[in-house]
Amino acid sequence: MQILILGGTAWLGREIAREALARGHGVTALARGESGPVPDAATLVVADRTRPDAYAAVADRDWDAVVEISWQPAFVREALAALGDRAAHWTLISSTSVYASAADVGADESAATYQPLQANRAEKSEYGEAKAAVELASRAALVEKLLILRPGVIGGPGDHTGRSGAWVARAARAPDAPLLVPDEPALPTQVIDVRDLVAFIVDSAERRLHGTVNTVGPVVPLGEWIEESRRIGGHRGDAVLASSAWLLANGVEEFMGEESLALWLPDPDFAGFSARSGRAAEAAGLTHRPRAELLSDVLEWERSRGLARARRAGLSAEREAELLRRLAAAR
């Protein structure tokens, strides 16, 4: 097949390109090229999607498959107008952020979404509404040759958010030091390995699947995720439990971001954020590698980046030590 990726130089787009190339497909990526290089053997078409001629270099030919990654409504609408008739199959990478509520455990694709954003350009705070808008525009233009995928948290090697690698990297960074752990072992985590996601994306393009599915990882209790991370990272120190109430009172960030506890999300309004149904995608062929393999491979990638580097998820050594001192003094 000849596959056009609208994007392709950032993490997910580059991984889609690698997977497609490994299967012998031709890959063209249309992007500014500022997020990194395309894989060897892929063709980069440098284009600014804010310009009216953005698609001129790729709109004069037919494509077996197009993969759209953008969340900006104007970009998506203009790409559909320029390329929709030239594509045999179209995959829109949407997000579980389109859902209006994250409170319901096990919610599937029938759950209510946000009202679509009316503006052409979206702010980051409008991400869910923007994704709803690009879904609506894509359905209107493409009908039965459209596949909408709604990933949740994407992890694995290359995860620059740090969410999937935070616990295993921490275990390996200081294997004998006490580890601060939320006393919430049953909270769900739900991480899809990027390699499993891109395999499904290319599979689906090859098979010309259509519809809308959540492409989410298996639900794993937070306590199990941390224990597996400790085992793989070689952590021998104590696990020091702290209640969510204490952690929140001491300013620990939830889920992600600097000085956070990765994947920890005790807010009851988000009880289903990491526990959505992925049954429809699995019925369509999505498979998941063992969590131990994901964690082992992400640890190898984390080591290559430096275990002691500043992180976008997880606690720094200094902040964790401070919290452990406070916790000990409070007991």
C-alpha atoms as a PDB file:
ATOM      1  CA  MET A   1       0.000   0.000   0.000  1.00  0.00           C
ATOM      2  CA  GLN A   2       0.873   3.656  -0.317  1.00  0.00           C
ATOM      3  CA  ILE A   3       0.172   5.278   3.030  1.00  0.00           C
ATOM      4  CA  LEU A   4       0.044   8.998   3.748  1.00  0.00           C
ATOM      5  CA  ILE A   5       0.542  10.071   7.367  1.00  0.00           C
ATOM      6  CA  LEU A   6      -0.583  13.584   8.167  1.00  0.00           C
ATOM      7  CA  GLY A   7       2.090  14.155  10.762  1.00  0.00           C
ATOM      8  CA  GLY A   8       4.709  11.456  11.077  1.00  0.00           C
ATOM      9  CA  THR A   9       7.703  13.100  12.674  1.00  0.00           C
ATOM     10  CA  ALA A  10       6.584  13.024  16.317  1.00  0.00           C
ATOM     11  CA  TRP A  11       6.482   9.823  18.381  1.00  0.00           C
ATOM     12  CA  LEU A  12       3.211   8.184  17.345  1.00  0.00           C
ATOM     13  CA  GLY A  13       3.410   9.173  13.692  1.00  0.00           C
ATOM     14  CA  ARG A  14       6.993   7.980  13.450  1.00  0.00           C
ATOM     15  CA  GLU A  15       6.057   4.629  15.001  1.00  0.00           C
ATOM     16  CA  ILE A  16       3.177   4.205  12.543  1.00  0.00           C
ATOM     17  CA  ALA A  17       5.604   4.891   9.708  1.00  0.00           C
ATOM     18  CA  ARG A  18       8.121   2.362  11.039  1.00  0.00           C
ATOM     19  CA  GLU A  19       5.463  -0.340  11.353  1.00  0.00           C
ATOM     20  CA  ALA A  20       4.148   0.271   7.844  1.00  0.00           C
ATOM     21  CA  LEU A  21       7.644   0.295   6.336  1.00  0.00           C
ATOM     22  CA  ALA A  22       8.510  -2.949   8.128  1.00  0.00           C
ATOM     23  CA  ARG A  23       5.578  -4.568   6.305  1.00  0.00           C
ATOM     24  CA  GLY A  24       6.756  -3.364   2.921  1.00  0.00           C
ATOM     25  CA  HIS A  25       4.353  -0.465   2.461  1.00  0.00           C
ATOM     26  CA  GLY A  26       5.329   2.885   1.018  1.00  0.00           C
ATOM     27  CA  VAL A  27       5.066   5.756   3.493  1.00  0.00           C
ATOM     28  CA  THR A  28       4.830   9.488   2.909  1.00  0.00           C
ATOM     29  CA  ALA A  29       4.645  11.854   5.877  1.00  0.00           C
ATOM     30  CA  LEU A  30       3.310  15.365   5.473  1.00  0.00           C
ATOM     31  CA  ALA A  31       4.576  17.544   8.301  1.00  0.00           C
ATOM     32  CA  ARG A  32       6.659  20.583   9.135  1.00  0.00           C
ATOM     33  CA  GLY A  33       9.437  18.191  10.071  1.00  0.00           C
ATOM     34  CA  GLU A  34      10.199  20.046  13.288  1.00  0.00           C
ATOM     35  CA  SER A  35       9.497  17.153  15.702  1.00  0.00           C
ATOM     36  CA  GLY A  36      12.225  14.907  14.340  1.00  0.00           C
ATOM     37  CA  PRO A  37      13.169  12.972  11.225  1.00  0.00           C
ATOM     38  CA  VAL A  38      10.994  10.440   9.441  1.00  0.00           C
ATOM     39  CA  PRO A  39      12.264   6.856   9.461  1.00  0.00           C
ATOM     40  CA  ASP A  40      14.657   5.761   6.740  1.00  0.00           C
ATOM     41  CA  ALA A  41      12.803   4.857   3.526  1.00  0.00           C
ATOM     42  CA  ALA A  42       9.867   7.149   4.331  1.00  0.00           C
ATOM     43  CA  THR A  43       9.325  10.282   2.247  1.00  0.00           C
ATOM     44  CA  LEU A  44       8.897  13.582   4.054  1.00  0.00           C
ATOM     45  CA  VAL A  45       6.792  16.240   2.372  1.00  0.00           C
ATOM     46  CA  VAL A  46       7.498  19.434   4.270  1.00  0.00           C
ATOM     47  CA  ALA A  47       4.311  21.453   4.619  1.00  0.00           C
ATOM     48  CA  ASP A  48       2.765  24.013   6.927  1.00  0.00           C
ATOM     49  CA  ARG A  49      -0.855  23.038   7.515  1.00  0.00           C
ATOM     50  CA  THR A  50      -1.805  26.637   8.252  1.00  0.00           C
ATOM     51  CA  ARG A  51      -1.172  27.486   4.584  1.00  0.00           C
ATOM     52  CA  PRO A  52      -3.814  27.075   1.857  1.00  0.00           C
ATOM     53  CA  ASP A  53      -1.397  25.106  -0.352  1.00  0.00           C
ATOM     54  CA  ALA A  54      -0.443  22.656   2.422  1.00  0.00           C
ATOM     55  CA  TYR A  55      -1.690  19.558   0.560  1.00  0.00           C
ATOM     56  CA  ALA A  56      -0.754  20.532  -2.993  1.00  0.00           C
ATOM     57  CA  ALA A  57       2.168  18.101  -3.168  1.00  0.00           C
ATOM     58  CA  VAL A  58       0.069  15.075  -2.147  1.00  0.00           C
ATOM     59  CA  ALA A  59      -3.418  15.847  -3.492  1.00  0.00           C
ATOM     60  CA  ASP A  60      -2.755  14.851  -7.101  1.00  0.00           C
ATOM     61  CA  ARG A  61      -2.588  11.102  -6.483  1.00  0.00           C
ATOM     62  CA  ASP A  62      -4.578   8.287  -4.924  1.00  0.00           C
ATOM     63  CA  TRP A  63      -3.685   6.850  -1.514  1.00  0.00           C
ATOM     64  CA  ASP A  64      -4.474   3.379  -0.242  1.00  0.00           C
ATOM     65  CA  ALA A  65      -4.630   4.746   3.297  1.00  0.00           C
ATOM     66  CA  VAL A  66      -4.412   8.094   5.061  1.00  0.00           C
ATOM     67  CA  VAL A  67      -3.722   8.434   8.781  1.00  0.00           C
ATOM     68  CA  GLU A  68      -4.712  11.725  10.390  1.00  0.00           C
ATOM     69  CA  ILE A  69      -3.281  12.600  13.796  1.00  0.00           C
ATOM     70  CA  SER A  70      -4.102  16.291  14.221  1.00  0.00           C
ATOM     71  CA  TRP A  71      -6.634  17.638  16.721  1.00  0.00           C
ATOM     72  CA  GLN A  72      -6.964  21.055  15.115  1.00  0.00           C
ATOM     73  CA  PRO A  73     -10.359  21.270  13.404  1.00  0.00           C
ATOM     74  CA  ALA A  74      -9.190  23.515  10.570  1.00  0.00           C
ATOM     75  CA  PHE A  75      -6.309  21.193   9.693  1.00  0.00           C
ATOM     76  CA  VAL A  76      -8.563  18.157   9.606  1.00  0.00           C
ATOM     77  CA  ARG A  77     -11.351  19.807   7.609  1.00  0.00           C
ATOM     78  CA  GLU A  78      -8.916  21.136   5.018  1.00  0.00           C
ATOM     79  CA  ALA A  79      -7.194  17.750   4.703  1.00  0.00           C
ATOM     80  CA  LEU A  80     -10.560  16.059   4.201  1.00  0.00           C
ATOM     81  CA  ALA A  81     -11.480  18.554   1.477  1.00  0.00           C
ATOM     82  CA  ALA A  82      -8.155  18.077  -0.309  1.00  0.00           C
ATOM     83  CA  LEU A  83      -7.665  14.330   0.123  1.00  0.00           C
ATOM     84  CA  GLY A  84     -10.905  12.668   1.145  1.00  0.00           C
ATOM     85  CA  ASP A  85     -11.802  11.605  -2.401  1.00  0.00           C
ATOM     86  CA  ARG A  86      -8.274  10.331  -3.077  1.00  0.00           C
ATOM     87  CA  ALA A  87      -8.090   7.921  -0.115  1.00  0.00           C
ATOM     88  CA  ALA A  88      -9.384   4.349  -0.142  1.00  0.00           C
ATOM     89  CA  HIS A  89      -9.240   4.205   3.654  1.00  0.00           C
ATOM     90  CA  TRP A  90      -8.843   6.871   6.336  1.00  0.00           C
ATOM     91  CA  THR A  91      -7.847   6.454   9.980  1.00  0.00           C
ATOM     92  CA  LEU A  92      -8.460   9.293  12.392  1.00  0.00           C
ATOM     93  CA  ILE A  93      -6.469   9.056  15.611  1.00  0.00           C
ATOM     94  CA  SER A  94      -8.864  10.589  18.099  1.00  0.00           C
ATOM     95  CA  SER A  95      -8.715  10.165  21.903  1.00  0.00           C
ATOM     96  CA  THR A  96     -10.691   8.985  24.897  1.00  0.00           C
ATOM     97  CA  SER A  97     -10.560  12.669  25.842  1.00  0.00           C
ATOM     98  CA  VAL A  98     -13.615  13.127  23.596  1.00  0.00           C
ATOM     99  CA  TYR A  99     -15.777  11.609  26.335  1.00  0.00           C
ATOM    100  CA  ALA A 100     -17.697  14.107  28.429  1.00  0.00           C
ATOM    101  CA  SER A 101     -17.333  12.025  31.605  1.00  0.00           C
ATOM    102  CA  ALA A 102     -14.553   9.882  33.016  1.00  0.00           C
ATOM    103  CA  ALA A 103     -16.542   8.716  36.027  1.00  0.00           C
ATOM    104  CA  ASP A 104     -17.981   5.451  34.714  1.00  0.00           C
ATOM    105  CA  VAL A 105     -15.905   2.283  34.955  1.00  0.00           C
ATOM    106  CA  GLY A 106     -16.164   0.104  31.855  1.00  0.00           C
ATOM    107  CA  ALA A 107     -17.747   2.763  29.635  1.00  0.00           C
ATOM    108  CA  ASP A 108     -17.636   1.871  25.937  1.00  0.00           C
ATOM    109  CA  GLU A 109     -17.881   3.770  22.661  1.00  0.00           C
ATOM    110  CA  SER A 110     -21.548   4.592  23.243  1.00  0.00           C
ATOM    111  CA  ALA A 111     -20.680   6.981  26.116  1.00  0.00           C
ATOM    112  CA  ALA A 112     -21.565  10.638  25.574  1.00  0.00           C
ATOM    113  CA  THR A 113     -18.885  12.849  24.050  1.00  0.00           C
ATOM    114  CA  TYR A 114     -18.274  16.564  24.354  1.00  0.00           C
ATOM    115  CA  GLN A 115     -20.110  18.930  22.074  1.00  0.00           C
ATOM    116  CA  PRO A 116     -17.868  19.539  19.058  1.00  0.00           C
ATOM    117  CA  LEU A 117     -15.845  22.735  19.125  1.00  0.00           C
ATOM    118  CA  GLN A 118     -17.199  25.265  16.655  1.00  0.00           C
ATOM    119  CA  ALA A 119     -13.967  27.226  16.208  1.00  0.00           C
ATOM    120  CA  ASN A 120     -11.372  26.330  13.599  1.00  0.00           C
ATOM    121  CA  ARG A 121      -8.474  26.553  16.016  1.00  0.00           C
ATOM    122  CA  ALA A 122      -8.409  25.024  19.486  1.00  0.00           C
ATOM    123  CA  GLU A 123      -6.497  25.726  22.651  1.00  0.00           C
ATOM    124  CA  LYS A 124      -5.001  22.808  24.578  1.00  0.00           C
ATOM    125  CA  SER A 125      -7.718  23.245  27.217  1.00  0.00           C
ATOM    126  CA  GLU A 126     -10.265  22.487  24.460  1.00  0.00           C
ATOM    127  CA  TYR A 127      -8.620  19.245  23.387  1.00  0.00           C
ATOM    128  CA  GLY A 128     -11.634  16.999  24.041  1.00  0.00           C
ATOM    129  CA  GLU A 129     -14.060  19.326  22.261  1.00  0.00           C
ATOM    130  CA  ALA A 130     -11.595  19.675  19.370  1.00  0.00           C
ATOM    131  CA  LYS A 131     -11.283  15.914  18.964  1.00  0.00           C
ATOM    132  CA  ALA A 132     -15.089  15.681  18.959  1.00  0.00           C
ATOM    133  CA  ALA A 133     -15.136  18.268  16.172  1.00  0.00           C
ATOM    134  CA  VAL A 134     -12.617  16.432  14.013  1.00  0.00           C
ATOM    135  CA  GLU A 135     -14.538  13.191  14.508  1.00  0.00           C
ATOM    136  CA  LEU A 136     -17.745  14.883  13.338  1.00  0.00           C
ATOM    137  CA  ALA A 137     -16.073  16.407  10.288  1.00  0.00           C
ATOM    138  CA  SER A 138     -14.437  13.112   9.354  1.00  0.00           C
ATOM    139  CA  ARG A 139     -17.687  11.154   9.593  1.00  0.00           C
ATOM    140  CA  ALA A 140     -19.481  13.674   7.420  1.00  0.00           C
ATOM    141  CA  ALA A 141     -16.827  13.512   4.709  1.00  0.00           C
ATOM    142  CA  LEU A 142     -15.859   9.844   4.673  1.00  0.00           C
ATOM    143  CA  VAL A 143     -18.785   7.725   5.897  1.00  0.00           C
ATOM    144  CA  GLU A 144     -17.874   4.006   5.561  1.00  0.00           C
ATOM    145  CA  LYS A 145     -14.187   4.266   4.712  1.00  0.00           C
ATOM    146  CA  LEU A 146     -13.404   5.907   8.057  1.00  0.00           C
ATOM    147  CA  LEU A 147     -11.924   4.270  11.145  1.00  0.00           C
ATOM    148  CA  ILE A 148     -11.845   6.369  14.316  1.00  0.00           C
ATOM    149  CA  LEU A 149      -9.488   5.156  17.017  1.00  0.00           C
ATOM    150  CA  ARG A 150      -9.700   6.542  20.544  1.00  0.00           C
ATOM    151  CA  PRO A 151      -6.487   5.786  22.439  1.00  0.00           C
ATOM    152  CA  GLY A 152      -6.113   6.436  26.130  1.00  0.00           C
ATOM    153  CA  VAL A 153      -2.661   6.562  27.731  1.00  0.00           C
ATOM    154  CA  ILE A 154       0.001   5.465  25.231  1.00  0.00           C
ATOM    155  CA  GLY A 155       3.229   4.079  26.657  1.00  0.00           C
ATOM    156  CA  GLY A 156       6.249   1.965  25.913  1.00  0.00           C
ATOM    157  CA  PRO A 157       9.690   2.812  24.530  1.00  0.00           C
ATOM    158  CA  GLY A 158       9.817   6.436  23.443  1.00  0.00           C
ATOM    159  CA  ASP A 159       7.202   7.650  25.951  1.00  0.00           C
ATOM    160  CA  HIS A 160       8.433  11.189  26.532  1.00  0.00           C
ATOM    161  CA  THR A 161       5.513  11.919  28.871  1.00  0.00           C
ATOM    162  CA  GLY A 162       7.250   9.597  31.340  1.00  0.00           C
ATOM    163  CA  ARG A 163       3.975   8.086  32.520  1.00  0.00           C
ATOM    164  CA  SER A 164       4.600   4.468  31.537  1.00  0.00           C
ATOM    165  CA  GLY A 165       8.247   4.509  32.572  1.00  0.00           C
ATOM    166  CA  ALA A 166       8.133   6.485  35.802  1.00  0.00           C
ATOM    167  CA  TRP A 167       7.742   3.644  38.304  1.00  0.00           C
ATOM    168  CA  VAL A 168      10.160   1.196  36.706  1.00  0.00           C
ATOM    169  CA  ALA A 169      12.746   3.948  36.186  1.00  0.00           C
ATOM    170  CA  ARG A 170      12.420   4.998  39.822  1.00  0.00           C
ATOM    171  CA  ALA A 171      12.836   1.399  40.972  1.00  0.00           C
ATOM    172  CA  ALA A 172      16.019   1.056  38.945  1.00  0.00           C
ATOM    173  CA  ARG A 173      17.408   4.501  39.824  1.00  0.00           C
ATOM    174  CA  ALA A 174      17.523   3.879  43.588  1.00  0.00           C
ATOM    175  CA  PRO A 175      16.947   0.162  44.164  1.00  0.00           C
ATOM    176  CA  ASP A 176      17.834   0.215  47.871  1.00  0.00           C
ATOM    177  CA  ALA A 177      16.061   3.450  48.838  1.00  0.00           C
ATOM    178  CA  PRO A 178      12.545   3.460  50.292  1.00  0.00           C
ATOM    179  CA  LEU A 179       9.874   4.011  47.670  1.00  0.00           C
ATOM    180  CA  LEU A 180       6.871   6.271  48.302  1.00  0.00           C
ATOM    181  CA  VAL A 181       3.742   4.448  47.137  1.00  0.00           C
ATOM    182  CA  PRO A 182       0.096   5.565  47.191  1.00  0.00           C
ATOM    183  CA  ASP A 183      -1.980   3.345  49.437  1.00  0.00           C
ATOM    184  CA  GLU A 184      -4.439   2.776  46.597  1.00  0.00           C
ATOM    185  CA  PRO A 185      -3.542  -0.661  45.186  1.00  0.00           C
ATOM    186  CA  ALA A 186      -6.906  -1.162  43.472  1.00  0.00           C
ATOM    187  CA  LEU A 187      -6.891   2.055  41.434  1.00  0.00           C
ATOM    188  CA  PRO A 188      -6.867   1.165  37.733  1.00  0.00           C
ATOM    189  CA  THR A 189      -4.132   1.860  35.234  1.00  0.00           C
ATOM    190  CA  GLN A 190      -4.657   1.445  31.500  1.00  0.00           C
ATOM    191  CA  VAL A 191      -1.660   1.843  29.219  1.00  0.00           C
ATOM    192  CA  ILE A 192      -1.540   0.727  25.600  1.00  0.00           C
ATOM    193  CA  ASP A 193       1.930  -0.074  24.289  1.00  0.00           C
ATOM    194  CA  VAL A 194       2.635   2.153  21.292  1.00  0.00           C
ATOM    195  CA  ARG A 195       3.866  -0.887  19.358  1.00  0.00           C
ATOM    196  CA  ASP A 196       0.554  -2.695  19.864  1.00  0.00           C
ATOM    197  CA  LEU A 197      -1.353   0.431  18.868  1.00  0.00           C
ATOM    198  CA  VAL A 198       0.558   1.024  15.631  1.00  0.00           C
ATOM    199  CA  ALA A 199       0.324  -2.651  14.694  1.00  0.00           C
ATOM    200  CA  PHE A 200      -3.460  -2.346  14.979  1.00  0.00           C
ATOM    201  CA  ILE A 201      -3.466   0.901  12.996  1.00  0.00           C
ATOM    202  CA  VAL A 202      -1.626  -0.692  10.078  1.00  0.00           C
ATOM    203  CA  ASP A 203      -3.607  -3.942  10.366  1.00  0.00           C
ATOM    204  CA  SER A 204      -6.815  -1.949  10.174  1.00  0.00           C
ATOM    205  CA  ALA A 205      -5.685  -0.001   7.111  1.00  0.00           C
ATOM    206  CA  GLU A 206      -4.711  -3.242   5.376  1.00  0.00           C
ATOM    207  CA  ARG A 207      -8.137  -4.724   6.160  1.00  0.00           C
ATOM    208  CA  ARG A 208     -10.007  -1.442   5.582  1.00  0.00           C
ATOM    209  CA  LEU A 209     -11.832  -1.621   8.875  1.00  0.00           C
ATOM    210  CA  HIS A 210     -14.303   1.127   9.679  1.00  0.00           C
ATOM    211  CA  GLY A 211     -16.188   2.284  12.740  1.00  0.00           C
ATOM    212  CA  THR A 212     -15.193   3.800  16.087  1.00  0.00           C
ATOM    213  CA  VAL A 213     -13.285   1.909  18.778  1.00  0.00           C
ATOM    214  CA  ASN A 214     -11.452   2.636  22.021  1.00  0.00           C
ATOM    215  CA  THR A 215      -7.840   1.545  21.599  1.00  0.00           C
ATOM    216  CA  VAL A 216      -6.991   1.297  25.284  1.00  0.00           C
ATOM    217  CA  GLY A 217      -4.685  -0.984  27.225  1.00  0.00           C
ATOM    218  CA  PRO A 218      -5.653  -3.760  29.620  1.00  0.00           C
ATOM    219  CA  VAL A 219      -6.765  -2.604  33.060  1.00  0.00           C
ATOM    220  CA  VAL A 220      -4.052  -3.300  35.643  1.00  0.00           C
ATOM    221  CA  PRO A 221      -4.416  -2.324  39.323  1.00  0.00           C
ATOM    222  CA  LEU A 222      -1.934   0.363  40.341  1.00  0.00           C
ATOM    223  CA  GLY A 223      -0.512  -1.856  43.091  1.00  0.00           C
ATOM    224  CA  GLU A 224       0.209  -4.596  40.561  1.00  0.00           C
ATOM    225  CA  TRP A 225       1.791  -2.107  38.131  1.00  0.00           C
ATOM    226  CA  ILE A 226       4.085  -0.787  40.870  1.00  0.00           C
ATOM    227  CA  GLU A 227       5.052  -4.249  42.120  1.00  0.00           C
ATOM    228  CA  GLU A 228       5.908  -5.388  38.597  1.00  0.00           C
ATOM    229  CA  SER A 229       7.902  -2.195  38.105  1.00  0.00           C
ATOM    230  CA  ARG A 230       9.806  -2.885  41.337  1.00  0.00           C
ATOM    231  CA  ARG A 231      10.546  -6.454  40.256  1.00  0.00           C
ATOM    232  CA  ILE A 232      11.773  -5.471  36.799  1.00  0.00           C
ATOM    233  CA  GLY A 233      13.690  -2.462  38.103  1.00  0.00           C
ATOM    234  CA  GLY A 234      15.349  -4.535  40.840  1.00  0.00           C
ATOM    235  CA  HIS A 235      13.963  -2.552  43.756  1.00  0.00           C
ATOM    236  CA  ARG A 236      14.973  -4.046  47.124  1.00  0.00           C
ATOM    237  CA  GLY A 237      14.070  -1.192  49.458  1.00  0.00           C
ATOM    238  CA  ASP A 238      10.878  -0.780  51.431  1.00  0.00           C
ATOM    239  CA  ALA A 239       7.605   0.382  49.920  1.00  0.00           C
ATOM    240  CA  VAL A 240       6.313   3.184  52.168  1.00  0.00           C
ATOM    241  CA  LEU A 241       2.566   3.616  51.872  1.00  0.00           C
ATOM    242  CA  ALA A 242       0.881   6.995  52.060  1.00  0.00           C
ATOM    243  CA  SER A 243      -2.834   7.715  51.842  1.00  0.00           C
ATOM    244  CA  SER A 244      -4.181   9.716  48.940  1.00  0.00           C
ATOM    245  CA  ALA A 245      -5.501  12.296  51.379  1.00  0.00           C
ATOM    246  CA  TRP A 246      -2.013  12.816  52.837  1.00  0.00           C
ATOM    247  CA  LEU A 247      -0.381  12.971  49.403  1.00  0.00           C
ATOM    248  CA  LEU A 248      -2.878  15.535  48.136  1.00  0.00           C
ATOM    249  CA  ALA A 249      -2.542  17.585  51.320  1.00  0.00           C
ATOM    250  CA  ASN A 250       1.216  17.673  50.750  1.00  0.00           C
ATOM    251  CA  GLY A 251       0.925  18.927  47.202  1.00  0.00           C
ATOM    252  CA  VAL A 252       1.727  15.775  45.250  1.00  0.00           C
ATOM    253  CA  GLU A 253       0.497  16.003  41.684  1.00  0.00           C
ATOM    254  CA  GLU A 254      -1.816  13.311  40.363  1.00  0.00           C
ATOM    255  CA  PHE A 255      -1.176  11.117  37.348  1.00  0.00           C
ATOM    256  CA  MET A 256       1.457  13.069  35.393  1.00  0.00           C
ATOM    257  CA  GLY A 257       3.505  16.234  35.315  1.00  0.00           C
ATOM    258  CA  GLU A 258       6.559  17.320  37.231  1.00  0.00           C
ATOM    259  CA  GLU A 259       6.705  16.040  40.813  1.00  0.00           C
ATOM    260  CA  SER A 260       3.752  13.714  40.342  1.00  0.00           C
ATOM    261  CA  LEU A 261       3.034  10.108  41.173  1.00  0.00           C
ATOM    262  CA  ALA A 262       2.545   8.600  37.746  1.00  0.00           C
ATOM    263  CA  LEU A 263      -0.779   6.904  36.911  1.00  0.00           C
ATOM    264  CA  TRP A 264      -2.172   7.626  40.417  1.00  0.00           C
ATOM    265  CA  LEU A 265      -5.612   9.190  39.962  1.00  0.00           C
ATOM    266  CA  PRO A 266      -7.748   8.981  43.136  1.00  0.00           C
ATOM    267  CA  ASP A 267     -10.352  11.589  42.105  1.00  0.00           C
ATOM    268  CA  PRO A 268     -13.706   9.727  41.999  1.00  0.00           C
ATOM    269  CA  ASP A 269     -14.773  11.876  39.051  1.00  0.00           C
ATOM    270  CA  PHE A 270     -12.042  10.052  37.103  1.00  0.00           C
ATOM    271  CA  ALA A 271     -12.806   6.536  38.337  1.00  0.00           C
ATOM    272  CA  GLY A 272     -13.292   5.331  34.772  1.00  0.00           C
ATOM    273  CA  PHE A 273     -10.509   7.328  33.112  1.00  0.00           C
ATOM    274  CA  SER A 274      -8.176   4.330  33.205  1.00  0.00           C
ATOM    275  CA  ALA A 275     -10.893   1.693  33.065  1.00  0.00           C
ATOM    276  CA  ARG A 276     -12.676   2.134  29.743  1.00  0.00           C
ATOM    277  CA  SER A 277     -13.871  -0.823  27.723  1.00  0.00           C
ATOM    278  CA  GLY A 278     -11.543  -1.927  24.947  1.00  0.00           C
ATOM    279  CA  ARG A 279     -13.585  -4.969  23.953  1.00  0.00           C
ATOM    280  CA  ALA A 280     -14.588  -3.645  20.531  1.00  0.00           C
ATOM    281  CA  ALA A 281     -10.984  -3.087  19.433  1.00  0.00           C
ATOM    282  CA  GLU A 282      -9.915  -6.464  20.802  1.00  0.00           C
ATOM    283  CA  ALA A 283     -12.751  -8.128  18.874  1.00  0.00           C
ATOM    284  CA  ALA A 284     -11.409  -6.362  15.771  1.00  0.00           C
ATOM    285  CA  GLY A 285      -7.911  -7.754  16.341  1.00  0.00           C
ATOM    286  CA  LEU A 286      -6.089  -5.492  18.804  1.00  0.00           C
ATOM    287  CA  THR A 287      -3.729  -7.534  20.984  1.00  0.00           C
ATOM    288  CA  HIS A 288      -1.607  -6.542  23.978  1.00  0.00           C
ATOM    289  CA  ARG A 289       1.873  -7.721  24.853  1.00  0.00           C
ATOM    290  CA  PRO A 290       2.514  -8.692  28.497  1.00  0.00           C
ATOM    291  CA  ARG A 291       2.958  -5.766  30.866  1.00  0.00           C
ATOM    292  CA  ALA A 292       6.305  -7.221  31.922  1.00  0.00           C
ATOM    293  CA  GLU A 293       7.555  -6.877  28.349  1.00  0.00           C
ATOM    294  CA  LEU A 294       6.317  -3.295  28.124  1.00  0.00           C
ATOM    295  CA  LEU A 295       8.007  -2.386  31.415  1.00  0.00           C
ATOM    296  CA  SER A 296      11.262  -4.148  30.586  1.00  0.00           C
ATOM    297  CA  ASP A 297      11.492  -2.408  27.225  1.00  0.00           C
ATOM    298  CA  VAL A 298      10.526   0.990  28.548  1.00  0.00           C
ATOM    299  CA  LEU A 299      13.176   0.625  31.271  1.00  0.00           C
ATOM    300  CA  GLU A 300      15.810   0.003  28.603  1.00  0.00           C
ATOM    301  CA  TRP A 301      14.671   3.181  26.857  1.00  0.00           C
ATOM    302  CA  GLU A 302      14.610   5.098  30.154  1.00  0.00           C
ATOM    303  CA  ARG A 303      18.202   4.028  30.857  1.00  0.00           C
ATOM    304  CA  SER A 304      19.241   5.345  27.459  1.00  0.00           C
ATOM    305  CA  ARG A 305      17.723   8.718  28.352  1.00  0.00           C
ATOM    306  CA  GLY A 306      19.171   8.809  31.893  1.00  0.00           C
ATOM    307  CA  LEU A 307      17.350   7.606  34.963  1.00  0.00           C
ATOM    308  CA  ALA A 308      18.224  10.716  36.972  1.00  0.00           C
ATOM    309  CA  ARG A 309      17.077  13.245  34.366  1.00  0.00           C
ATOM    310  CA  ALA A 310      14.316  15.771  35.020  1.00  0.00           C
ATOM    311  CA  ARG A 311      11.028  14.007  34.335  1.00  0.00           C
ATOM    312  CA  ARG A 312       7.584  14.894  33.002  1.00  0.00           C
ATOM    313  CA  ALA A 313       6.029  12.287  35.329  1.00  0.00           C
ATOM    314  CA  GLY A 314       7.247  10.931  38.654  1.00  0.00           C
ATOM    315  CA  LEU A 315       8.945  12.416  41.676  1.00  0.00           C
ATOM    316  CA  SER A 316      12.485  13.700  41.741  1.00  0.00           C
ATOM    317  CA  ALA A 317      14.806  12.088  44.275  1.00  0.00           C
ATOM    318  CA  GLU A 318      14.825  15.296  46.326  1.00  0.00           C
ATOM    319  CA  ARG A 319      11.056  15.665  46.413  1.00  0.00           C
ATOM    320  CA  GLU A 320      10.516  12.000  47.279  1.00  0.00           C
ATOM    321  CA  ALA A 321      13.047  12.194  50.132  1.00  0.00           C
ATOM    322  CA  GLU A 322      11.346  15.321  51.470  1.00  0.00           C
ATOM    323  CA  LEU A 323       7.933  13.638  51.395  1.00  0.00           C
ATOM    324  CA  LEU A 324       9.265  10.539  53.130  1.00  0.00           C
ATOM    325  CA  ARG A 325      10.708  12.714  55.918  1.00  0.00           C
ATOM    326  CA  ARG A 326       7.375  14.499  56.334  1.00  0.00           C
ATOM    327  CA  LEU A 327       5.498  11.228  56.387  1.00  0.00           C
ATOM    328  CA  ALA A 328       7.808   9.749  59.021  1.00  0.00           C
ATOM    329  CA  ALA A 329       7.432  12.830  61.202  1.00  0.00           C
ATOM    330  CA  ALA A 330       3.641  12.656  60.943  1.00  0.00           C
ATOM    331  CA  ARG A 331       3.490   9.057  62.219  1.00  0.00           C
END
